[in-house]
Amino acid sequence: MTTDPNTPTPRPVSLVCVLAIFVLLSLFGIMAKRVYVHSRTPAPQNEAPDNLSKDMAWRATPETRRAHLADLRKKQAEQGASYAWVDQKTGVVQLPVARAMELVVLEHGGAK
């Protein structure tokens, strides 16, 4: 293998330069960790129940989340099976789902 006499030979990298690069990368990592990790507030579900506001207290533990979900499903089931006014001024009502489907079939069933 022939080498070109005009090609410069590579110089070895000094140990000081390598150490300086590692020190700078370490400093960058430490600063990034301090700025990013310590400035974030914990997620609401990870806080103690005593520190949460009333509207977020249901997220405190798995038991409170299950209880809140059960209450929500119960309310939705009651709403889906009852009649009520949503907005009386504009004439918007809440109907049971089965009755609403019957009305849609009566209204649009003969349009074929």
N, C-alpha and C. Protein backbone atom coordinates (compact mmCIF):
# COMPACT_ATOMS: atom_id res chain seq x y z
N MET A 1 0.85 -1.16 0.00
CA MET A 1 0.00 0.00 0.00
C MET A 1 0.90 1.23 0.00
N THR A 2 0.68 2.08 -0.94
CA THR A 2 1.52 3.27 -1.05
C THR A 2 0.81 4.44 -0.42
N THR A 3 1.57 5.28 0.21
CA THR A 3 1.00 6.47 0.83
C THR A 3 1.52 7.69 0.10
N ASP A 4 0.71 8.67 0.04
CA ASP A 4 1.09 9.91 -0.63
C ASP A 4 1.99 10.72 0.32
N PRO A 5 3.13 11.14 -0.12
CA PRO A 5 4.02 11.89 0.78
C PRO A 5 3.47 13.26 1.16
N ASN A 6 2.49 13.77 0.40
CA ASN A 6 1.92 15.08 0.71
C ASN A 6 0.80 15.02 1.74
N THR A 7 0.31 13.82 2.06
CA THR A 7 -0.77 13.66 3.03
C THR A 7 -0.21 13.83 4.44
N PRO A 8 -0.79 14.74 5.22
CA PRO A 8 -0.26 14.93 6.57
C PRO A 8 -0.61 13.73 7.45
N THR A 9 0.24 13.42 8.36
CA THR A 9 -0.02 12.31 9.28
C THR A 9 -0.94 12.82 10.39
N PRO A 10 -1.87 11.98 10.84
CA PRO A 10 -2.79 12.42 11.89
C PRO A 10 -2.06 12.63 13.21
N ARG A 11 -2.48 13.66 13.93
CA ARG A 11 -1.89 13.95 15.23
C ARG A 11 -2.70 13.25 16.31
N PRO A 12 -2.07 12.77 17.33
CA PRO A 12 -2.82 12.15 18.43
C PRO A 12 -3.59 13.23 19.21
N VAL A 13 -4.75 12.84 19.74
CA VAL A 13 -5.57 13.76 20.53
C VAL A 13 -5.01 13.79 21.94
N SER A 14 -4.88 14.97 22.49
CA SER A 14 -4.31 15.07 23.82
C SER A 14 -5.30 14.61 24.88
N LEU A 15 -4.78 14.10 25.95
CA LEU A 15 -5.59 13.63 27.06
C LEU A 15 -6.36 14.77 27.70
N VAL A 16 -5.80 15.94 27.72
CA VAL A 16 -6.45 17.12 28.29
C VAL A 16 -7.72 17.45 27.49
N CYS A 17 -7.63 17.35 26.18
CA CYS A 17 -8.80 17.64 25.34
C CYS A 17 -9.92 16.63 25.59
N VAL A 18 -9.59 15.37 25.69
CA VAL A 18 -10.60 14.33 25.96
C VAL A 18 -11.24 14.56 27.32
N LEU A 19 -10.45 14.84 28.33
CA LEU A 19 -11.00 15.10 29.67
C LEU A 19 -11.88 16.35 29.68
N ALA A 20 -11.48 17.37 28.95
CA ALA A 20 -12.29 18.60 28.90
C ALA A 20 -13.65 18.32 28.27
N ILE A 21 -13.69 17.50 27.25
CA ILE A 21 -14.97 17.15 26.62
C ILE A 21 -15.85 16.39 27.60
N PHE A 22 -15.29 15.43 28.32
CA PHE A 22 -16.09 14.68 29.30
C PHE A 22 -16.60 15.58 30.42
N VAL A 23 -15.78 16.51 30.88
CA VAL A 23 -16.20 17.44 31.94
C VAL A 23 -17.33 18.33 31.44
N LEU A 24 -17.22 18.85 30.23
CA LEU A 24 -18.27 19.71 29.69
C LEU A 24 -19.58 18.94 29.49
N LEU A 25 -19.50 17.72 29.01
CA LEU A 25 -20.72 16.92 28.87
C LEU A 25 -21.35 16.62 30.22
N SER A 26 -20.52 16.36 31.22
CA SER A 26 -21.05 16.10 32.56
C SER A 26 -21.74 17.34 33.13
N LEU A 27 -21.11 18.49 32.95
CA LEU A 27 -21.73 19.74 33.43
C LEU A 27 -23.06 20.01 32.72
N PHE A 28 -23.09 19.75 31.44
CA PHE A 28 -24.35 19.93 30.70
C PHE A 28 -25.43 19.00 31.25
N GLY A 29 -25.08 17.75 31.51
CA GLY A 29 -26.06 16.81 32.07
C GLY A 29 -26.57 17.22 33.42
N ILE A 30 -25.68 17.69 34.27
CA ILE A 30 -26.08 18.13 35.61
C ILE A 30 -27.00 19.34 35.52
N MET A 31 -26.67 20.29 34.69
CA MET A 31 -27.51 21.48 34.55
C MET A 31 -28.88 21.13 33.95
N ALA A 32 -28.89 20.26 32.97
CA ALA A 32 -30.16 19.86 32.37
C ALA A 32 -31.04 19.16 33.39
N LYS A 33 -30.45 18.32 34.20
CA LYS A 33 -31.23 17.61 35.22
C LYS A 33 -31.80 18.59 36.25
N ARG A 34 -30.99 19.53 36.70
CA ARG A 34 -31.47 20.50 37.68
C ARG A 34 -32.59 21.37 37.13
N VAL A 35 -32.43 21.83 35.92
CA VAL A 35 -33.43 22.72 35.34
C VAL A 35 -34.70 21.97 35.00
N TYR A 36 -34.59 20.81 34.38
CA TYR A 36 -35.76 20.11 33.88
C TYR A 36 -36.46 19.31 34.97
N VAL A 37 -35.75 18.49 35.68
CA VAL A 37 -36.38 17.57 36.63
C VAL A 37 -36.90 18.29 37.86
N HIS A 38 -36.14 19.21 38.41
CA HIS A 38 -36.55 19.82 39.66
C HIS A 38 -37.57 20.94 39.48
N SER A 39 -37.76 21.43 38.28
CA SER A 39 -38.72 22.51 38.09
C SER A 39 -40.11 22.00 37.75
N ARG A 40 -40.22 20.73 37.45
CA ARG A 40 -41.54 20.18 37.10
C ARG A 40 -42.36 19.91 38.35
N THR A 41 -43.65 20.21 38.28
CA THR A 41 -44.53 19.88 39.38
C THR A 41 -45.01 18.46 39.20
N PRO A 42 -45.24 17.74 40.28
CA PRO A 42 -45.69 16.35 40.14
C PRO A 42 -47.09 16.28 39.53
N ALA A 43 -47.37 15.20 38.86
CA ALA A 43 -48.68 14.99 38.27
C ALA A 43 -49.71 14.88 39.38
N PRO A 44 -50.95 15.34 39.14
CA PRO A 44 -51.97 15.32 40.21
C PRO A 44 -52.21 13.94 40.80
N GLN A 45 -52.15 12.89 39.97
CA GLN A 45 -52.42 11.56 40.50
C GLN A 45 -51.29 11.04 41.38
N ASN A 46 -50.13 11.71 41.37
CA ASN A 46 -49.01 11.28 42.18
C ASN A 46 -48.89 12.06 43.48
N GLU A 47 -49.75 13.02 43.71
CA GLU A 47 -49.70 13.80 44.94
C GLU A 47 -50.51 13.13 46.04
N ALA A 48 -50.25 13.54 47.24
CA ALA A 48 -51.02 13.04 48.37
C ALA A 48 -52.44 13.59 48.29
N PRO A 49 -53.44 12.81 48.71
CA PRO A 49 -54.84 13.28 48.62
C PRO A 49 -55.09 14.59 49.35
N ASP A 50 -54.34 14.85 50.41
CA ASP A 50 -54.55 16.07 51.18
C ASP A 50 -54.13 17.31 50.41
N ASN A 51 -53.22 17.17 49.46
CA ASN A 51 -52.71 18.32 48.72
C ASN A 51 -53.54 18.65 47.49
N LEU A 52 -54.51 17.84 47.16
CA LEU A 52 -55.30 18.05 45.95
C LEU A 52 -56.50 18.93 46.22
N SER A 53 -56.92 19.66 45.19
CA SER A 53 -58.14 20.45 45.30
C SER A 53 -59.34 19.52 45.25
N LYS A 54 -60.52 20.05 45.57
CA LYS A 54 -61.71 19.21 45.62
C LYS A 54 -62.06 18.61 44.27
N ASP A 55 -61.86 19.38 43.19
CA ASP A 55 -62.21 18.85 41.88
C ASP A 55 -61.19 17.82 41.38
N MET A 56 -60.02 17.73 42.00
CA MET A 56 -59.01 16.76 41.60
C MET A 56 -58.84 15.63 42.61
N ALA A 57 -59.58 15.65 43.70
CA ALA A 57 -59.41 14.66 44.77
C ALA A 57 -59.75 13.25 44.30
N TRP A 58 -60.58 13.12 43.29
CA TRP A 58 -60.94 11.78 42.81
C TRP A 58 -59.74 11.07 42.19
N ARG A 59 -58.69 11.78 41.82
CA ARG A 59 -57.51 11.17 41.21
C ARG A 59 -56.51 10.66 42.23
N ALA A 60 -56.78 10.80 43.51
CA ALA A 60 -55.78 10.54 44.54
C ALA A 60 -55.34 9.09 44.59
N THR A 61 -56.27 8.16 44.60
CA THR A 61 -55.93 6.75 44.74
C THR A 61 -56.75 5.94 43.73
N PRO A 62 -56.36 4.71 43.48
CA PRO A 62 -57.16 3.86 42.59
C PRO A 62 -58.59 3.66 43.11
N GLU A 63 -58.75 3.60 44.43
CA GLU A 63 -60.09 3.41 44.99
C GLU A 63 -60.98 4.62 44.70
N THR A 64 -60.43 5.83 44.86
CA THR A 64 -61.24 7.02 44.60
C THR A 64 -61.55 7.15 43.11
N ARG A 65 -60.63 6.72 42.25
CA ARG A 65 -60.91 6.75 40.80
C ARG A 65 -62.02 5.77 40.45
N ARG A 66 -61.98 4.57 41.05
CA ARG A 66 -63.04 3.59 40.79
C ARG A 66 -64.39 4.09 41.28
N ALA A 67 -64.41 4.69 42.47
CA ALA A 67 -65.67 5.21 43.02
C ALA A 67 -66.21 6.34 42.16
N HIS A 68 -65.33 7.22 41.69
CA HIS A 68 -65.77 8.32 40.83
C HIS A 68 -66.31 7.78 39.50
N LEU A 69 -65.65 6.79 38.94
CA LEU A 69 -66.12 6.20 37.68
C LEU A 69 -67.47 5.51 37.87
N ALA A 70 -67.67 4.83 38.99
CA ALA A 70 -68.96 4.18 39.26
C ALA A 70 -70.07 5.23 39.38
N ASP A 71 -69.79 6.33 40.08
CA ASP A 71 -70.78 7.41 40.20
C ASP A 71 -71.10 8.02 38.84
N LEU A 72 -70.07 8.23 38.04
CA LEU A 72 -70.26 8.81 36.71
C LEU A 72 -71.10 7.89 35.83
N ARG A 73 -70.82 6.60 35.85
CA ARG A 73 -71.61 5.65 35.04
C ARG A 73 -73.06 5.58 35.52
N LYS A 74 -73.26 5.67 36.84
CA LYS A 74 -74.62 5.65 37.39
C LYS A 74 -75.41 6.88 36.91
N LYS A 75 -74.78 8.06 36.96
CA LYS A 75 -75.44 9.29 36.51
C LYS A 75 -75.76 9.23 35.02
N GLN A 76 -74.82 8.70 34.23
CA GLN A 76 -75.05 8.60 32.79
C GLN A 76 -76.16 7.61 32.47
N ALA A 77 -76.24 6.52 33.21
CA ALA A 77 -77.31 5.55 32.99
C ALA A 77 -78.67 6.16 33.33
N GLU A 78 -78.72 6.94 34.41
CA GLU A 78 -79.97 7.60 34.79
C GLU A 78 -80.37 8.63 33.73
N GLN A 79 -79.39 9.39 33.21
CA GLN A 79 -79.70 10.37 32.18
C GLN A 79 -80.15 9.70 30.89
N GLY A 80 -79.57 8.55 30.57
CA GLY A 80 -79.92 7.86 29.34
C GLY A 80 -81.28 7.18 29.38
N ALA A 81 -81.88 7.10 30.55
CA ALA A 81 -83.16 6.43 30.68
C ALA A 81 -84.27 7.35 31.19
N SER A 82 -84.10 8.65 31.12
CA SER A 82 -85.11 9.55 31.67
C SER A 82 -85.38 10.71 30.72
N TYR A 83 -86.53 11.34 30.96
CA TYR A 83 -86.92 12.54 30.22
C TYR A 83 -86.54 13.76 31.05
N ALA A 84 -86.08 14.82 30.39
CA ALA A 84 -85.75 16.06 31.10
C ALA A 84 -85.56 17.17 30.07
N TRP A 85 -85.64 18.40 30.55
CA TRP A 85 -85.34 19.55 29.71
C TRP A 85 -83.85 19.80 29.73
N VAL A 86 -83.25 19.97 28.56
CA VAL A 86 -81.86 20.41 28.48
C VAL A 86 -81.85 21.92 28.40
N ASP A 87 -82.68 22.48 27.50
CA ASP A 87 -82.83 23.93 27.37
C ASP A 87 -84.28 24.19 26.98
N GLN A 88 -85.07 24.64 27.95
CA GLN A 88 -86.50 24.81 27.73
C GLN A 88 -86.79 25.96 26.77
N LYS A 89 -85.96 27.00 26.76
CA LYS A 89 -86.19 28.14 25.87
C LYS A 89 -86.10 27.74 24.40
N THR A 90 -85.14 26.89 24.09
CA THR A 90 -84.97 26.48 22.68
C THR A 90 -85.69 25.19 22.35
N GLY A 91 -86.29 24.55 23.34
CA GLY A 91 -87.05 23.33 23.10
C GLY A 91 -86.21 22.07 23.01
N VAL A 92 -85.03 22.05 23.61
CA VAL A 92 -84.16 20.88 23.58
C VAL A 92 -84.48 20.01 24.78
N VAL A 93 -84.79 18.73 24.50
CA VAL A 93 -85.16 17.80 25.58
C VAL A 93 -84.20 16.62 25.60
N GLN A 94 -84.23 15.94 26.73
CA GLN A 94 -83.44 14.72 26.90
C GLN A 94 -84.43 13.56 26.87
N LEU A 95 -84.19 12.59 26.01
CA LEU A 95 -85.06 11.43 25.86
C LEU A 95 -84.29 10.16 26.18
N PRO A 96 -85.02 9.10 26.59
CA PRO A 96 -84.34 7.81 26.68
C PRO A 96 -83.87 7.39 25.28
N VAL A 97 -82.78 6.67 25.21
CA VAL A 97 -82.18 6.31 23.93
C VAL A 97 -83.15 5.48 23.09
N ALA A 98 -83.86 4.55 23.69
CA ALA A 98 -84.79 3.71 22.93
C ALA A 98 -85.90 4.55 22.30
N ARG A 99 -86.43 5.50 23.04
CA ARG A 99 -87.49 6.35 22.51
C ARG A 99 -86.96 7.25 21.39
N ALA A 100 -85.74 7.76 21.55
CA ALA A 100 -85.14 8.60 20.52
C ALA A 100 -84.94 7.81 19.23
N MET A 101 -84.55 6.55 19.34
CA MET A 101 -84.38 5.72 18.15
C MET A 101 -85.72 5.47 17.47
N GLU A 102 -86.78 5.25 18.26
CA GLU A 102 -88.12 5.06 17.69
C GLU A 102 -88.54 6.29 16.90
N LEU A 103 -88.32 7.48 17.47
CA LEU A 103 -88.70 8.72 16.79
C LEU A 103 -87.91 8.92 15.50
N VAL A 104 -86.64 8.55 15.51
CA VAL A 104 -85.83 8.68 14.28
C VAL A 104 -86.33 7.74 13.22
N VAL A 105 -86.70 6.51 13.61
CA VAL A 105 -87.22 5.55 12.63
C VAL A 105 -88.55 6.04 12.07
N LEU A 106 -89.42 6.59 12.91
CA LEU A 106 -90.71 7.09 12.43
C LEU A 106 -90.51 8.27 11.48
N GLU A 107 -89.55 9.13 11.81
CA GLU A 107 -89.32 10.32 10.98
C GLU A 107 -88.64 9.99 9.66
N HIS A 108 -87.68 9.10 9.68
CA HIS A 108 -86.89 8.82 8.49
C HIS A 108 -87.14 7.45 7.88
N GLY A 109 -88.00 6.65 8.48
CA GLY A 109 -88.21 5.27 8.01
C GLY A 109 -88.93 5.20 6.67
N GLY A 110 -89.85 6.08 6.40
CA GLY A 110 -90.61 6.04 5.16
C GLY A 110 -89.96 6.78 4.02
N ALA A 111 -88.73 7.23 4.16
CA ALA A 111 -88.09 8.05 3.14
C ALA A 111 -87.42 7.21 2.07
N LYS A 112 -87.56 5.90 2.08
CA LYS A 112 -86.90 5.05 1.09
C LYS A 112 -87.50 5.19 -0.26
